[in-house]
Amino acid sequence: MGGACTPLRIDDRRCTRCGLCVTVCRCGALEALDGGAPRVHAERCVGCGACEEMCPEEAIDCAFAIVWGEGQEPPAPTVSLTQRDTSRR
C-alpha cells in the first residue's frame, strides 16, 4: 500500500469560478459548485498539477507531499541518484 497525497488547495478569494480546472482534471478530483470555488475530492486526486497549470488566476496550490502511514515506507528508488550518464560525453 502506498502513501496518499495531501489535498490541493484552492484560494476562494482568487478563484473566478471559470471552471477550467474542473474541465482539465482527468481523475474527477474537482467538482464545480454553484457560487463557490470547486470542491476538492482529495481521494481521487493523483497530484498531476494540471489544474494548477491551467488556472489563469493562480488560485490553486498543488504543493503535494507524500504522507506515509505508520509502518509504511516509501519504495526504494529504481535508479541511483548518484549514477551519472557518461554516454553523452
Protein backbone atom coordinates (compact mmCIF):
# COMPACT_ATOMS: atom_id res chain seq x y z
CA MET A 1 0.00 0.00 0.00
CA GLY A 2 1.38 3.41 -0.90
CA GLY A 3 1.22 6.87 0.56
CA ALA A 4 -1.50 9.42 -0.03
CA CYS A 5 -1.19 12.92 -1.46
CA THR A 6 -2.05 15.85 0.74
CA PRO A 7 -5.01 17.72 -0.77
CA LEU A 8 -4.55 20.58 -3.19
CA ARG A 9 -5.80 23.97 -2.06
CA ILE A 10 -7.99 26.47 -3.92
CA ASP A 11 -7.86 30.10 -2.81
CA ASP A 12 -11.52 31.12 -2.76
CA ARG A 13 -10.58 34.81 -2.94
CA ARG A 14 -8.64 34.38 -6.21
CA CYS A 15 -10.89 31.79 -7.88
CA THR A 16 -13.20 33.32 -10.50
CA ARG A 17 -15.24 30.10 -10.93
CA CYS A 18 -14.23 29.83 -14.60
CA GLY A 19 -14.30 26.01 -14.42
CA LEU A 20 -11.08 25.42 -16.36
CA CYS A 21 -9.62 23.34 -13.53
CA VAL A 22 -12.72 21.12 -13.42
CA THR A 23 -12.54 20.64 -17.19
CA VAL A 24 -8.86 19.72 -17.26
CA CYS A 25 -8.97 17.32 -14.28
CA ARG A 26 -8.87 13.80 -15.76
CA CYS A 27 -9.45 11.96 -12.49
CA GLY A 28 -12.62 13.75 -11.34
CA ALA A 29 -11.00 15.27 -8.27
CA LEU A 30 -12.65 18.68 -8.78
CA GLU A 31 -16.38 19.32 -8.76
CA ALA A 32 -17.99 22.58 -9.87
CA LEU A 33 -20.26 24.17 -7.28
CA ASP A 34 -22.85 26.90 -7.75
CA GLY A 35 -21.47 30.15 -6.32
CA GLY A 36 -18.25 28.80 -4.88
CA ALA A 37 -14.80 27.53 -5.67
CA PRO A 38 -14.69 23.92 -6.89
CA ARG A 39 -14.91 21.18 -4.28
CA VAL A 40 -11.78 19.05 -3.97
CA HIS A 41 -12.17 15.26 -3.74
CA ALA A 42 -8.69 14.53 -2.37
CA GLU A 43 -9.14 10.76 -2.53
CA ARG A 44 -9.38 10.98 -6.34
CA CYS A 45 -6.50 13.41 -6.91
CA VAL A 46 -3.31 11.93 -8.35
CA GLY A 47 -1.24 15.10 -7.96
CA CYS A 48 -0.59 15.72 -11.66
CA GLY A 49 -0.84 19.52 -11.28
CA ALA A 50 -2.87 20.04 -14.48
CA CYS A 51 -5.46 22.15 -12.63
CA GLU A 52 -2.78 24.39 -11.14
CA GLU A 53 -1.15 24.83 -14.53
CA MET A 54 -4.47 25.71 -16.21
CA CYS A 55 -5.72 28.22 -13.59
CA PRO A 56 -5.41 31.76 -15.03
CA GLU A 57 -5.75 33.32 -11.57
CA GLU A 58 -3.10 31.11 -9.87
CA ALA A 59 -5.73 30.19 -7.29
CA ILE A 60 -4.66 26.54 -6.99
CA ASP A 61 -1.74 25.25 -4.95
CA CYS A 62 -0.62 21.71 -5.72
CA ALA A 63 2.38 21.62 -3.40
CA PHE A 64 1.96 17.93 -2.79
CA ALA A 65 3.70 15.86 -0.19
CA ILE A 66 3.51 12.12 0.14
CA VAL A 67 2.26 11.11 3.58
CA TRP A 68 3.22 7.62 4.68
CA GLY A 69 1.16 5.84 7.30
CA GLU A 70 2.58 4.27 10.41
CA GLY A 71 4.66 1.24 9.50
CA GLN A 72 4.81 2.19 5.81
CA GLU A 73 7.96 3.12 3.99
CA PRO A 74 8.46 4.71 0.58
CA PRO A 75 9.50 2.33 -2.19
CA ALA A 76 13.20 2.01 -2.95
CA PRO A 77 14.37 4.13 -5.89
CA THR A 78 14.79 2.24 -9.14
CA VAL A 79 17.77 4.35 -10.23
CA SER A 80 20.54 5.64 -8.05
CA LEU A 81 20.58 9.40 -7.88
CA THR A 82 24.38 9.26 -7.76
CA GLN A 83 24.72 7.43 -11.09
CA ARG A 84 25.99 9.65 -13.87
CA ASP A 85 25.27 9.19 -17.53
CA THR A 86 28.66 9.35 -19.21
CA SER A 87 27.45 8.12 -22.61
CA ARG A 88 26.87 11.68 -23.89
CA ARG A 89 30.44 12.86 -23.49
